[in-house]
Structure formats: structure tokens, C-alpha cells
Amino acid sequence: MSGTLYLIPNTLGQSDTTQTNVLTHIIPETVQAMSAQLHHFVAENAKTTRAYLKLLGQYHPLAKPMQELQIAELNVNTPNDALQALLQPLLDGNDVGLISEAGVPAVADPGANLVRLAHQHHIKVRPLVGPSSLLLALMGSGLNGQSFAFHGYLPTDAAARAKRVKELEDRSRKEKQTQLLIETPYRNTAMLEALASTCTPHTLICVATDLTLETESIQTKTAAEWKKKILSNAGPDFHKKPTVFLFLA
């Protein structure tokens, strides 16, 4: 009998809260306890997973000492023909935890390929409750939560990026659909400038930064309002901070 593939949520960043269990306001206690029971993990990043498990172990004893836990990596560089080997512990009857570098696995995350393969082998998949930066940003934006689309990263070339923004804005206008994007944190300023200058003045743009952390900021303004703030050097404090961008025409 095969094991179960648990989809384990990670934090969206380290918190400075003084709570007894610093994970409590982000990861449910039952999810913490279940995650601590596993021996096998597939991780986007083994180093950050060890750091998370070390933190988790402060509140829930881990099933094995850290050095005995099996952590295999699955990231954007993992070839498809390596997925079968990652699935093998499950086929051997072991429960496995799939964990992202931040947030929930298999959403804007290479773990989706392993989940698909698990279904093909009739392996039970169990998603666990945790933070999703995309959904938290959408919830806090005030934009349309009935129809939305996530597009990941836009082109870094300025002309190609502007063209893509216009395409997505046209789609947003026609379908009343919120568009979600992410960017490498050190390019946040360039992304907001591109949105503010390319979108029509009344298009609503939301910038959601450091979600679930003490430095969390969610601001929704028109493109024209953002343009004014940028020109007066009053833009958001988001340099090198994880940020989700949303807009609705």
C-alpha cells in the first residue's frame, strides 16, 4: 500500500513575534504536529526546509533527528525523468511531505509536477492549510475575487514587459478579471513603475508586501495615484521584499 503525499505549508518569512509558538498565527497546530511526524520530504530548497523543520521541532518533537530525515530537492532545475525517483518512497509505503520554500506547495511552485504524478499512480494527496501569498494579496486588495488569473513573472525587457502589461490590462477590462504578478524582489520598483506608466490612469493597482509579517503592507491605488507617489519619491517600502502585484482595469 502506498503512502500519502502531504502538501505542507511553509511560512512566508521569519516573524519577530513574541508568541510562545511563533508559527501559531500562520500554521495551524494540527498541521505543525502532522508535519513533524514525517520522515521523508521533497523540498524546493533543502536548506530552508531544514531551517523550517528546526523551528517546528522547537514546539513539536520531530519523528527523527534532523540528520536522519530524508530531504530530496525538487525545483525548477529538476528534470521530469527524476520525478519517479522522488515518488519512490511513497510507492514503498512511506508518507512524504512536499514543502515549498515559502507558502503553499504546488501553487506557483514546481511541486505541482510531483502531485500530478502521484495522482497518476493513485497515491493519496492531502493538502494542508497554510498561507498563500497570492490568495492573501487578493483578499486584501479589494479587487475582483470572483475572477482572477496569476501570470508569474513578466518579461524583464522594458518594451516586452509594457506590451504584456497592456495585453493583460485589456483582458482585465474585457473579463473584469484581476491580474496577479510577482517579481524578483530587487526589481519591485521597476515593476511598479511599469504598471503605473503603462496602465490607464483609472486602473487599480495593488502592491502587497511581506504578507503575514510585522512589516506587512497592502496598498491599492489607481495607476495615476501610484505615478504621483513614484514621482514624489513616496512609493512603498518594498525593496528586496517579497511582493505580489495585482491590477484590475
Protein backbone atom coordinates (compact mmCIF):
# COMPACT_ATOMS: atom_id res chain seq x y z
CA MET A 1 0.00 0.00 0.00
CA SER A 2 1.39 3.39 -0.98
CA GLY A 3 1.88 6.29 1.41
CA THR A 4 0.20 9.68 1.41
CA LEU A 5 1.68 12.81 -0.16
CA TYR A 6 1.14 15.66 2.29
CA LEU A 7 1.35 19.18 0.88
CA ILE A 8 2.97 21.11 3.73
CA PRO A 9 2.71 24.90 4.01
CA ASN A 10 5.79 26.91 4.93
CA THR A 11 5.93 30.41 6.36
CA LEU A 12 6.19 33.41 4.04
CA GLY A 13 9.19 34.69 6.00
CA GLN A 14 10.61 34.72 9.51
CA SER A 15 8.48 36.55 12.07
CA ASP A 16 9.73 38.52 15.07
CA THR A 17 6.57 37.92 17.07
CA THR A 18 6.98 37.12 20.77
CA GLN A 19 4.28 34.46 20.84
CA THR A 20 5.19 31.22 22.66
CA ASN A 21 4.86 29.36 19.36
CA VAL A 22 5.89 31.78 16.61
CA LEU A 23 4.19 29.60 13.99
CA THR A 24 0.74 29.59 15.61
CA HIS A 25 -0.67 32.65 13.83
CA ILE A 26 0.47 31.29 10.44
CA ILE A 27 0.40 27.46 10.55
CA PRO A 28 -2.40 25.61 12.43
CA GLU A 29 -1.23 23.49 15.39
CA THR A 30 -2.64 20.31 13.83
CA VAL A 31 -0.66 20.95 10.64
CA GLN A 32 2.50 21.57 12.65
CA ALA A 33 2.05 18.30 14.55
CA MET A 34 1.35 16.31 11.39
CA SER A 35 4.36 17.77 9.58
CA ALA A 36 6.64 16.87 12.49
CA GLN A 37 5.64 13.20 12.22
CA LEU A 38 7.05 12.71 8.73
CA HIS A 39 10.39 11.06 7.91
CA HIS A 40 10.55 11.89 4.19
CA PHE A 41 10.34 15.28 2.49
CA VAL A 42 10.54 16.64 -1.04
CA ALA A 43 11.60 20.28 -0.85
CA GLU A 44 12.07 23.16 -3.22
CA ASN A 45 15.11 24.11 -1.14
CA ALA A 46 16.65 21.66 1.34
CA LYS A 47 18.39 24.39 3.34
CA THR A 48 15.26 26.43 4.02
CA THR A 49 13.33 23.24 4.73
CA ARG A 50 15.84 22.25 7.41
CA ALA A 51 15.51 25.72 8.92
CA TYR A 52 11.72 25.36 8.97
CA LEU A 53 11.87 21.88 10.47
CA LYS A 54 14.33 23.10 13.10
CA LEU A 55 11.85 25.82 14.06
CA LEU A 56 8.97 23.34 14.01
CA GLY A 57 10.97 20.98 16.25
CA GLN A 58 11.01 23.60 19.00
CA TYR A 59 7.27 23.06 19.51
CA HIS A 60 6.63 19.53 18.21
CA PRO A 61 9.25 16.75 18.54
CA LEU A 62 10.40 15.63 15.10
CA ALA A 63 9.95 11.96 14.16
CA LYS A 64 13.72 11.56 13.78
CA PRO A 65 16.84 13.62 14.47
CA MET A 66 17.35 16.22 11.75
CA GLN A 67 20.34 14.41 10.22
CA GLU A 68 18.24 11.26 9.76
CA LEU A 69 15.36 12.91 7.93
CA GLN A 70 15.28 12.27 4.18
CA ILE A 71 15.05 15.53 2.21
CA ALA A 72 15.14 15.37 -1.59
CA GLU A 73 15.03 18.51 -3.73
CA LEU A 74 12.51 19.37 -6.44
CA ASN A 75 12.95 22.76 -8.06
CA VAL A 76 12.80 24.43 -11.47
CA ASN A 77 16.02 22.67 -12.49
CA THR A 78 14.75 19.16 -11.69
CA PRO A 79 14.29 17.17 -14.94
CA ASN A 80 10.97 15.38 -15.41
CA ASP A 81 12.70 12.00 -15.58
CA ALA A 82 13.85 12.48 -11.96
CA LEU A 83 10.30 12.69 -10.60
CA GLN A 84 9.81 8.93 -10.48
CA ALA A 85 12.68 8.56 -8.02
CA LEU A 86 11.15 11.26 -5.82
CA LEU A 87 7.90 9.30 -5.85
CA GLN A 88 9.53 6.01 -4.85
CA PRO A 89 9.31 6.43 -1.05
CA LEU A 90 5.54 6.85 -1.47
CA LEU A 91 5.32 3.72 -3.62
CA ASP A 92 7.29 1.92 -0.88
CA GLY A 93 4.58 2.80 1.62
CA ASN A 94 6.08 5.89 3.28
CA ASP A 95 4.24 9.15 3.86
CA VAL A 96 6.05 12.10 2.25
CA GLY A 97 5.78 15.83 2.82
CA LEU A 98 6.08 18.17 -0.17
CA ILE A 99 7.21 21.57 1.05
CA SER A 100 7.80 24.85 -0.77
CA GLU A 101 10.47 27.43 0.01
CA ALA A 102 7.66 29.77 1.09
CA GLY A 103 3.90 29.47 1.29
CA VAL A 104 1.95 26.50 -0.02
CA PRO A 105 3.47 23.90 -2.37
CA ALA A 106 2.29 23.25 -5.93
CA VAL A 107 0.94 26.80 -6.41
CA ALA A 108 3.41 28.91 -8.40
CA ASP A 109 5.76 26.12 -7.42
CA PRO A 110 7.44 23.19 -9.26
CA GLY A 111 5.89 20.72 -6.80
CA ALA A 112 2.77 20.55 -8.98
CA ASN A 113 4.57 18.09 -11.29
CA LEU A 114 5.08 15.63 -8.44
CA VAL A 115 1.45 15.99 -7.34
CA ARG A 116 0.30 15.20 -10.87
CA LEU A 117 2.49 12.11 -10.98
CA ALA A 118 1.16 11.00 -7.59
CA HIS A 119 -2.39 11.12 -8.97
CA GLN A 120 -1.30 9.05 -11.97
CA HIS A 121 -0.07 6.36 -9.53
CA HIS A 122 -3.28 6.55 -7.46
CA ILE A 123 -1.39 7.93 -4.47
CA LYS A 124 -3.48 9.85 -1.95
CA VAL A 125 -2.72 13.58 -1.94
CA ARG A 126 -3.58 15.62 1.13
CA PRO A 127 -3.19 19.44 1.02
CA LEU A 128 -2.73 21.06 4.45
CA VAL A 129 -3.92 24.52 5.46
CA GLY A 130 -1.37 27.33 5.36
CA PRO A 131 -0.54 30.77 3.94
CA SER A 132 -0.71 31.52 0.23
CA SER A 133 0.73 34.92 -0.63
CA LEU A 134 -1.38 35.05 -3.80
CA LEU A 135 -4.70 34.47 -2.05
CA LEU A 136 -3.82 36.71 0.90
CA ALA A 137 -2.93 39.50 -1.51
CA LEU A 138 -6.15 39.01 -3.45
CA MET A 139 -8.18 39.01 -0.23
CA GLY A 140 -6.61 42.23 0.94
CA SER A 141 -6.62 44.06 -2.38
CA GLY A 142 -10.30 44.91 -2.72
CA LEU A 143 -10.09 43.81 -6.36
CA ASN A 144 -12.30 41.20 -8.03
CA GLY A 145 -12.02 37.90 -6.16
CA GLN A 146 -14.63 36.21 -8.35
CA SER A 147 -12.42 36.14 -11.43
CA PHE A 148 -8.63 36.31 -11.33
CA ALA A 149 -5.53 34.93 -13.04
CA PHE A 150 -1.92 34.50 -11.94
CA HIS A 151 0.78 35.10 -14.56
CA GLY A 152 4.02 34.67 -12.61
CA TYR A 153 6.91 36.78 -13.86
CA LEU A 154 6.67 39.24 -16.75
CA PRO A 155 9.49 39.85 -19.25
CA THR A 156 12.44 41.84 -17.87
CA ASP A 157 12.89 43.72 -21.15
CA ALA A 158 11.06 47.05 -20.73
CA ALA A 159 9.35 47.04 -24.13
CA ALA A 160 8.27 43.40 -23.89
CA ARG A 161 7.02 43.95 -20.33
CA ALA A 162 4.98 47.00 -21.33
CA LYS A 163 3.43 45.08 -24.20
CA ARG A 164 2.48 42.23 -21.86
CA VAL A 165 1.01 44.62 -19.28
CA LYS A 166 -1.21 46.18 -21.97
CA GLU A 167 -2.35 42.73 -23.07
CA LEU A 168 -3.25 41.77 -19.51
CA GLU A 169 -4.96 45.11 -18.89
CA ASP A 170 -7.11 44.60 -22.00
CA ARG A 171 -8.01 41.13 -20.74
CA SER A 172 -8.79 42.53 -17.29
CA ARG A 173 -11.08 45.16 -18.79
CA LYS A 174 -12.95 42.74 -21.03
CA GLU A 175 -13.37 39.98 -18.45
CA LYS A 176 -13.49 42.10 -15.25
CA GLN A 177 -10.62 39.90 -14.13
CA THR A 178 -7.95 40.68 -11.53
CA GLN A 179 -4.42 40.02 -12.81
CA LEU A 180 -1.75 38.79 -10.36
CA LEU A 181 2.01 39.02 -10.88
CA ILE A 182 5.19 38.51 -8.92
CA GLU A 183 8.68 39.86 -9.44
CA THR A 184 12.20 39.23 -8.19
CA PRO A 185 12.25 41.45 -5.05
CA TYR A 186 15.12 43.68 -6.19
CA ARG A 187 13.06 44.58 -9.31
CA ASN A 188 9.92 45.59 -7.41
CA THR A 189 10.40 49.28 -8.14
CA ALA A 190 10.80 48.68 -11.86
CA MET A 191 7.63 46.58 -11.90
CA LEU A 192 5.51 49.19 -10.13
CA GLU A 193 6.87 51.94 -12.39
CA ALA A 194 6.00 49.83 -15.43
CA LEU A 195 2.45 49.20 -14.20
CA ALA A 196 1.86 52.83 -13.23
CA SER A 197 3.16 54.22 -16.51
CA THR A 198 1.65 51.60 -18.83
CA CYS A 199 -1.82 51.10 -17.39
CA THR A 200 -4.58 53.62 -17.99
CA PRO A 201 -4.94 56.21 -15.17
CA HIS A 202 -8.02 54.65 -13.52
CA THR A 203 -6.76 51.05 -13.46
CA LEU A 204 -6.49 49.88 -9.85
CA ILE A 205 -3.08 48.52 -8.81
CA CYS A 206 -2.43 46.74 -5.52
CA VAL A 207 1.02 46.21 -4.00
CA ALA A 208 1.07 43.54 -1.26
CA THR A 209 4.40 43.17 0.57
CA ASP A 210 5.73 40.96 3.40
CA LEU A 211 2.40 39.23 3.93
CA THR A 212 1.88 37.71 7.42
CA LEU A 213 4.95 39.54 8.77
CA GLU A 214 5.08 42.55 11.11
CA THR A 215 6.17 44.66 8.12
CA GLU A 216 3.14 43.64 6.05
CA SER A 217 1.79 46.33 3.72
CA ILE A 218 -1.16 46.17 1.32
CA GLN A 219 -1.96 49.29 -0.71
CA THR A 220 -4.45 49.67 -3.56
CA LYS A 221 -4.42 52.87 -5.63
CA THR A 222 -5.11 53.93 -9.20
CA ALA A 223 -2.28 53.95 -11.71
CA ALA A 224 -2.41 57.75 -11.68
CA GLU A 225 -2.07 57.83 -7.88
CA TRP A 226 0.88 55.46 -7.95
CA LYS A 227 2.51 57.56 -10.66
CA LYS A 228 2.27 60.64 -8.43
CA LYS A 229 3.75 58.79 -5.48
CA ILE A 230 6.66 57.49 -7.55
CA LEU A 231 7.42 60.98 -8.91
CA SER A 232 7.44 62.38 -5.36
CA ASN A 233 9.62 59.53 -4.05
CA ALA A 234 6.77 58.36 -1.81
CA GLY A 235 6.47 54.84 -3.18
CA PRO A 236 6.06 51.75 -0.99
CA ASP A 237 8.88 50.37 1.17
CA PHE A 238 9.31 47.13 -0.73
CA HIS A 239 12.89 46.98 -1.98
CA LYS A 240 14.11 43.37 -1.79
CA LYS A 241 10.89 42.34 -0.03
CA PRO A 242 8.58 39.59 -1.38
CA THR A 243 5.70 41.37 -3.13
CA VAL A 244 2.59 40.43 -5.08
CA PHE A 245 1.28 42.87 -7.69
CA LEU A 246 -2.39 42.90 -8.68
CA PHE A 247 -4.36 45.10 -11.05
CA LEU A 248 -7.91 45.49 -12.29
CA ALA A 249 -8.91 47.67 -15.22
